[in-house]
């Protein structure tokens, strides 16, 4: 186990402990990169908790090099993160997916905004690694429009006691469970801040087939989210988003990305709607 992780201790008024919860499933290709980005954090008082969903690759072996807090849980990431929270000792919980790379000051900025500026939860802008594929460049083109958006955003860094007040991640949801939690925290009038440092998604799809397969699966699971988030949820999932109108000039400045964006949207929403309809028919 790396020494940086071993430094994690109990909370102090100046340096509260942060519990980083990472749900994994066959994540060996990206997990080490994610964990290395945690070792590079400027804030050092944290614990890493990995909750694995019965991986069949080298995920567990990789995780053991960074932490001894490794658990097994399923069936989906909401249940994994919730279980990790019950095993956490920190004042704050930071959910980090196993295919994200954090910029070095993410945790430091989040702690400061909560401890000094008195925010209760923090959203962290996530963008895409544009070196993965053409479609990852398209996804970055889209995601960066959400940097200052108040609709298509979900908190990642949360004071732990808030879960007792608004509930944990909804385990009936496979997709948009982060939107659902964000909406509940917002409805409870907690203060949500936004830091400058960002996270970069390295688990980007490489082909249209990957995109269609992923969103068809998500579409089959959206009933639970839409049932609980009828108004705001529909806006969050809508293909017509205020962020696009706000950044309309970009579509003219970058025509290749615009064409890719349109193709991506057709593939994403077409497959998600198909999955949603299939789930309704089956139920």
Protein backbone atom coordinates (compact mmCIF):
# COMPACT_ATOMS: atom_id res chain seq x y z
CA UNK A 1 0.00 0.00 0.00
CA UNK A 2 1.35 3.43 -0.92
CA UNK A 3 2.52 5.57 1.98
CA UNK A 4 0.35 8.56 1.01
CA UNK A 5 -2.78 6.56 1.75
CA UNK A 6 -1.38 5.34 5.05
CA UNK A 7 -1.18 8.92 6.32
CA UNK A 8 -4.97 9.17 6.49
CA UNK A 9 -6.02 9.63 10.10
CA UNK A 10 -8.82 10.98 12.20
CA UNK A 11 -10.46 14.32 11.61
CA UNK A 12 -9.09 17.51 13.10
CA UNK A 13 -10.69 20.97 12.95
CA UNK A 14 -8.06 22.05 10.43
CA UNK A 15 -7.80 18.84 8.44
CA UNK A 16 -11.09 16.87 8.50
CA UNK A 17 -10.91 13.32 7.19
CA UNK A 18 -12.34 12.77 3.71
CA UNK A 19 -13.66 9.33 2.79
CA UNK A 20 -13.22 8.60 -0.91
CA UNK A 21 -15.67 5.92 -2.07
CA UNK A 22 -14.84 4.16 -5.35
CA UNK A 23 -17.32 1.66 -6.83
CA UNK A 24 -15.62 -0.79 -9.20
CA UNK A 25 -16.50 -3.57 -11.61
CA UNK A 26 -13.86 -4.99 -13.93
CA UNK A 27 -12.06 -1.66 -13.64
CA UNK A 28 -8.45 -2.88 -13.89
CA UNK A 29 -7.74 -0.89 -17.05
CA UNK A 30 -8.44 2.49 -15.41
CA UNK A 31 -8.37 2.04 -11.63
CA UNK A 32 -4.62 2.50 -11.12
CA UNK A 33 -4.73 5.82 -13.00
CA UNK A 34 -7.63 6.97 -10.84
CA UNK A 35 -5.87 5.96 -7.62
CA UNK A 36 -2.60 7.59 -8.67
CA UNK A 37 -4.50 10.86 -9.13
CA UNK A 38 -5.62 10.52 -5.51
CA UNK A 39 -2.05 10.08 -4.33
CA UNK A 40 -1.22 13.31 -6.15
CA UNK A 41 -3.81 15.31 -4.24
CA UNK A 42 -2.52 18.34 -2.38
CA UNK A 43 -4.85 17.42 0.51
CA UNK A 44 -3.57 14.32 2.28
CA UNK A 45 -6.00 13.47 5.08
CA UNK A 46 -8.22 10.97 3.31
CA UNK A 47 -9.10 7.30 3.28
CA UNK A 48 -9.76 5.26 0.14
CA UNK A 49 -12.62 2.77 0.24
CA UNK A 50 -13.08 0.49 -2.78
CA UNK A 51 -16.36 -1.39 -3.10
CA UNK A 52 -16.12 -3.96 -5.86
CA UNK A 53 -19.00 -5.59 -7.73
CA UNK A 54 -17.58 -9.12 -8.12
CA UNK A 55 -14.92 -8.26 -10.71
CA UNK A 56 -13.43 -11.07 -12.78
CA UNK A 57 -10.31 -9.14 -13.82
CA UNK A 58 -7.40 -7.75 -11.74
CA UNK A 59 -9.40 -4.96 -10.09
CA UNK A 60 -8.95 -6.27 -6.54
CA UNK A 61 -5.23 -6.88 -6.99
CA UNK A 62 -4.85 -3.32 -8.27
CA UNK A 63 -6.85 -1.84 -5.38
CA UNK A 64 -4.75 -3.71 -2.79
CA UNK A 65 -1.71 -1.71 -3.84
CA UNK A 66 -3.40 1.48 -2.64
CA UNK A 67 -5.75 0.60 0.22
CA UNK A 68 -6.68 -2.20 2.59
CA UNK A 69 -10.30 -1.02 2.77
CA UNK A 70 -11.76 -3.19 0.03
CA UNK A 71 -15.27 -4.66 0.13
CA UNK A 72 -17.50 -6.64 -2.19
CA UNK A 73 -21.06 -5.55 -2.87
CA UNK A 74 -23.65 -5.48 -5.64
CA UNK A 75 -25.78 -5.39 -7.63
CA UNK A 76 -25.09 -1.85 -8.91
CA UNK A 77 -23.02 1.22 -8.07
CA UNK A 78 -25.68 2.93 -5.90
CA UNK A 79 -25.61 -0.01 -3.49
CA UNK A 80 -21.81 -0.08 -3.67
CA UNK A 81 -21.42 3.60 -2.77
CA UNK A 82 -24.01 3.34 0.01
CA UNK A 83 -22.17 0.39 1.53
CA UNK A 84 -18.90 2.32 1.31
CA UNK A 85 -20.47 5.23 3.15
CA UNK A 86 -21.47 2.93 6.03
CA UNK A 87 -17.82 1.85 6.29
CA UNK A 88 -16.43 5.39 6.15
CA UNK A 89 -14.97 7.39 9.02
CA UNK A 90 -14.69 10.81 7.36
CA UNK A 91 -16.56 14.03 7.98
CA UNK A 92 -16.95 14.25 4.21
CA UNK A 93 -17.71 11.66 1.56
CA UNK A 94 -16.31 12.04 -1.95
CA UNK A 95 -17.70 9.64 -4.55
CA UNK A 96 -15.12 8.98 -7.26
CA UNK A 97 -15.84 6.59 -10.14
CA UNK A 98 -13.10 4.17 -11.12
CA UNK A 99 -12.47 5.77 -14.51
CA UNK A 100 -11.92 9.39 -13.47
CA UNK A 101 -8.70 11.32 -12.94
CA UNK A 102 -8.80 14.14 -10.39
CA UNK A 103 -6.79 17.31 -10.80
CA UNK A 104 -4.43 17.72 -7.80
CA UNK A 105 -6.40 20.39 -5.92
CA UNK A 106 -9.89 18.84 -6.14
CA UNK A 107 -10.12 17.66 -2.52
CA UNK A 108 -8.31 20.67 -1.08
CA UNK A 109 -10.65 23.09 -2.84
CA UNK A 110 -13.72 21.12 -1.79
CA UNK A 111 -12.67 20.97 1.88
CA UNK A 112 -11.87 24.68 1.91
CA UNK A 113 -15.22 25.60 0.37
CA UNK A 114 -17.03 23.56 3.02
CA UNK A 115 -14.91 24.44 6.05
CA UNK A 116 -14.23 28.11 5.31
CA UNK A 117 -17.11 29.19 3.09
CA UNK A 118 -19.61 26.95 4.89
CA UNK A 119 -21.01 25.05 1.93
CA UNK A 120 -22.61 21.67 2.60
CA UNK A 121 -21.90 19.83 -0.64
CA UNK A 122 -19.74 20.44 -3.68
CA UNK A 123 -20.17 19.74 -7.37
CA UNK A 124 -17.03 18.99 -9.37
CA UNK A 125 -17.05 19.65 -13.09
CA UNK A 126 -16.18 16.54 -15.05
CA UNK A 127 -14.90 16.65 -18.57
CA UNK A 128 -13.71 13.97 -21.00
CA UNK A 129 -10.25 12.82 -22.03
CA UNK A 130 -10.22 13.88 -25.65
CA UNK A 131 -7.31 11.57 -26.51
CA UNK A 132 -9.45 8.41 -26.21
CA UNK A 133 -11.39 8.68 -29.46
CA UNK A 134 -13.27 11.01 -31.77
CA UNK A 135 -16.35 10.42 -29.65
CA UNK A 136 -14.52 11.41 -26.50
CA UNK A 137 -13.66 14.73 -28.18
CA UNK A 138 -17.35 15.14 -29.00
CA UNK A 139 -18.25 14.33 -25.41
CA UNK A 140 -15.76 16.90 -24.10
CA UNK A 141 -17.23 19.45 -26.50
CA UNK A 142 -20.61 18.81 -24.88
CA UNK A 143 -19.56 18.39 -21.27
CA UNK A 144 -17.60 21.62 -21.14
CA UNK A 145 -20.84 23.49 -21.85
CA UNK A 146 -22.04 22.37 -18.42
CA UNK A 147 -19.20 23.99 -16.46
CA UNK A 148 -21.42 26.75 -15.05
CA UNK A 149 -24.73 24.96 -15.56
CA UNK A 150 -27.07 24.60 -12.58
CA UNK A 151 -29.28 21.93 -14.14
CA UNK A 152 -27.01 19.23 -15.55
CA UNK A 153 -24.82 18.90 -12.49
CA UNK A 154 -24.53 16.48 -9.57
CA UNK A 155 -22.76 16.84 -6.24
CA UNK A 156 -19.77 14.57 -5.64
CA UNK A 157 -18.36 15.85 -2.34
CA UNK A 158 -20.88 15.76 0.53
CA UNK A 159 -20.83 16.25 4.28
CA UNK A 160 -21.57 12.80 5.63
CA UNK A 161 -24.37 13.77 8.03
CA UNK A 162 -26.43 15.01 5.07
CA UNK A 163 -27.09 11.41 4.03
CA UNK A 164 -28.93 10.87 7.32
CA UNK A 165 -31.21 13.80 6.51
CA UNK A 166 -31.97 13.35 2.79
CA UNK A 167 -31.26 9.64 2.33
CA UNK A 168 -28.53 7.75 0.54
CA UNK A 169 -28.25 6.96 -3.17
CA UNK A 170 -31.47 5.33 -4.39
CA UNK A 171 -30.57 1.68 -4.97
CA UNK A 172 -33.47 1.18 -7.37
CA UNK A 173 -31.65 3.46 -9.84
CA UNK A 174 -28.85 2.44 -12.18
CA UNK A 175 -28.70 5.69 -14.15
CA UNK A 176 -29.11 9.29 -12.95
CA UNK A 177 -28.85 8.26 -9.29
CA UNK A 178 -26.43 11.17 -8.83
CA UNK A 179 -28.98 13.63 -10.26
CA UNK A 180 -31.59 12.21 -7.87
CA UNK A 181 -29.37 12.74 -4.81
CA UNK A 182 -28.42 16.24 -5.97
CA UNK A 183 -32.10 17.13 -6.37
CA UNK A 184 -32.89 15.94 -2.84
CA UNK A 185 -30.00 17.90 -1.34
CA UNK A 186 -31.12 20.99 -3.25
CA UNK A 187 -34.73 20.54 -2.10
CA UNK A 188 -33.54 20.33 1.51
CA UNK A 189 -32.01 23.82 1.14
CA UNK A 190 -28.41 22.80 1.69
CA UNK A 191 -25.77 25.06 0.18
CA UNK A 192 -24.13 23.55 -2.89
CA UNK A 193 -20.83 25.03 -4.06
CA UNK A 194 -18.71 24.56 -7.15
CA UNK A 195 -14.91 24.34 -7.25
CA UNK A 196 -12.54 25.28 -10.08
CA UNK A 197 -10.56 22.02 -10.22
CA UNK A 198 -12.11 19.29 -12.32
CA UNK A 199 -12.20 15.55 -12.90
CA UNK A 200 -11.41 13.97 -16.27
CA UNK A 201 -13.29 10.91 -17.50
CA UNK A 202 -10.93 8.37 -19.06
CA UNK A 203 -13.50 5.61 -19.55
CA UNK A 204 -14.90 7.15 -22.71
CA UNK A 205 -16.62 5.10 -25.45
CA UNK A 206 -14.52 4.42 -28.51
CA UNK A 207 -17.27 3.53 -30.99
CA UNK A 208 -20.90 4.34 -31.71
CA UNK A 209 -21.69 0.74 -30.78
CA UNK A 210 -20.32 1.40 -27.29
CA UNK A 211 -22.49 4.50 -26.98
CA UNK A 212 -25.65 2.70 -28.12
CA UNK A 213 -25.08 -0.29 -25.87
CA UNK A 214 -24.44 1.88 -22.80
CA UNK A 215 -27.45 4.14 -23.23
CA UNK A 216 -29.81 1.32 -24.16
CA UNK A 217 -28.92 -0.24 -20.80
CA UNK A 218 -29.39 3.07 -18.99
CA UNK A 219 -32.71 3.65 -20.77
CA UNK A 220 -34.07 0.40 -19.39
CA UNK A 221 -33.49 1.68 -15.86
CA UNK A 222 -34.83 5.27 -16.06
CA UNK A 223 -38.37 4.60 -14.84
CA UNK A 224 -37.38 4.87 -11.18
CA UNK A 225 -35.61 8.21 -11.68
CA UNK A 226 -38.41 9.80 -13.70
CA UNK A 227 -41.03 8.59 -11.22
CA UNK A 228 -39.29 10.49 -8.40
CA UNK A 229 -38.06 13.50 -10.40
CA UNK A 230 -40.99 14.33 -12.68
CA UNK A 231 -40.30 17.99 -13.35
CA UNK A 232 -36.62 18.68 -12.79
CA UNK A 233 -35.73 15.16 -13.89
CA UNK A 234 -37.35 15.59 -17.30
CA UNK A 235 -35.37 18.80 -17.78
CA UNK A 236 -32.13 17.09 -16.75
CA UNK A 237 -32.64 14.31 -19.29
CA UNK A 238 -33.97 16.49 -22.08
CA UNK A 239 -31.95 16.77 -25.32
CA UNK A 240 -32.91 20.47 -25.42
CA UNK A 241 -30.74 21.98 -22.70
CA UNK A 242 -30.24 25.64 -21.71
CA UNK A 243 -26.47 25.09 -21.76
CA UNK A 244 -26.61 24.49 -25.53
CA UNK A 245 -28.45 27.77 -26.13
CA UNK A 246 -26.01 29.62 -23.90
CA UNK A 247 -23.06 28.26 -25.91
CA UNK A 248 -24.67 28.44 -29.34
CA UNK A 249 -21.67 30.17 -30.91
CA UNK A 250 -19.53 27.08 -30.33
CA UNK A 251 -21.68 25.08 -32.73
CA UNK A 252 -20.78 27.47 -35.52
CA UNK A 253 -17.12 27.79 -34.56
CA UNK A 254 -16.55 24.02 -34.49
CA UNK A 255 -18.60 22.43 -37.29
CA UNK A 256 -16.91 19.01 -37.13
CA UNK A 257 -17.66 18.72 -33.42
CA UNK A 258 -21.21 19.93 -34.08
CA UNK A 259 -21.84 17.16 -36.61
CA UNK A 260 -20.36 14.62 -34.22
CA UNK A 261 -22.49 16.02 -31.41
CA UNK A 262 -25.67 15.58 -33.47
CA UNK A 263 -24.78 12.00 -34.37
CA UNK A 264 -23.91 11.28 -30.73
CA UNK A 265 -27.22 12.70 -29.56
CA UNK A 266 -29.23 10.63 -32.04
CA UNK A 267 -27.39 7.48 -30.97
CA UNK A 268 -27.66 8.28 -27.27
CA UNK A 269 -31.30 9.31 -27.12
CA UNK A 270 -32.47 6.81 -29.71
CA UNK A 271 -31.00 3.88 -27.80
CA UNK A 272 -32.11 5.24 -24.40
CA UNK A 273 -35.70 5.74 -25.58
CA UNK A 274 -35.72 2.24 -27.06
CA UNK A 275 -34.46 0.81 -23.78
CA UNK A 276 -37.05 2.81 -21.86
CA UNK A 277 -39.89 1.54 -24.07
CA UNK A 278 -38.66 -2.04 -23.76
CA UNK A 279 -38.66 -1.73 -19.96
CA UNK A 280 -42.22 -0.38 -19.95
CA UNK A 281 -43.45 -3.22 -22.19
CA UNK A 282 -41.74 -5.84 -20.03
CA UNK A 283 -43.17 -4.36 -16.85
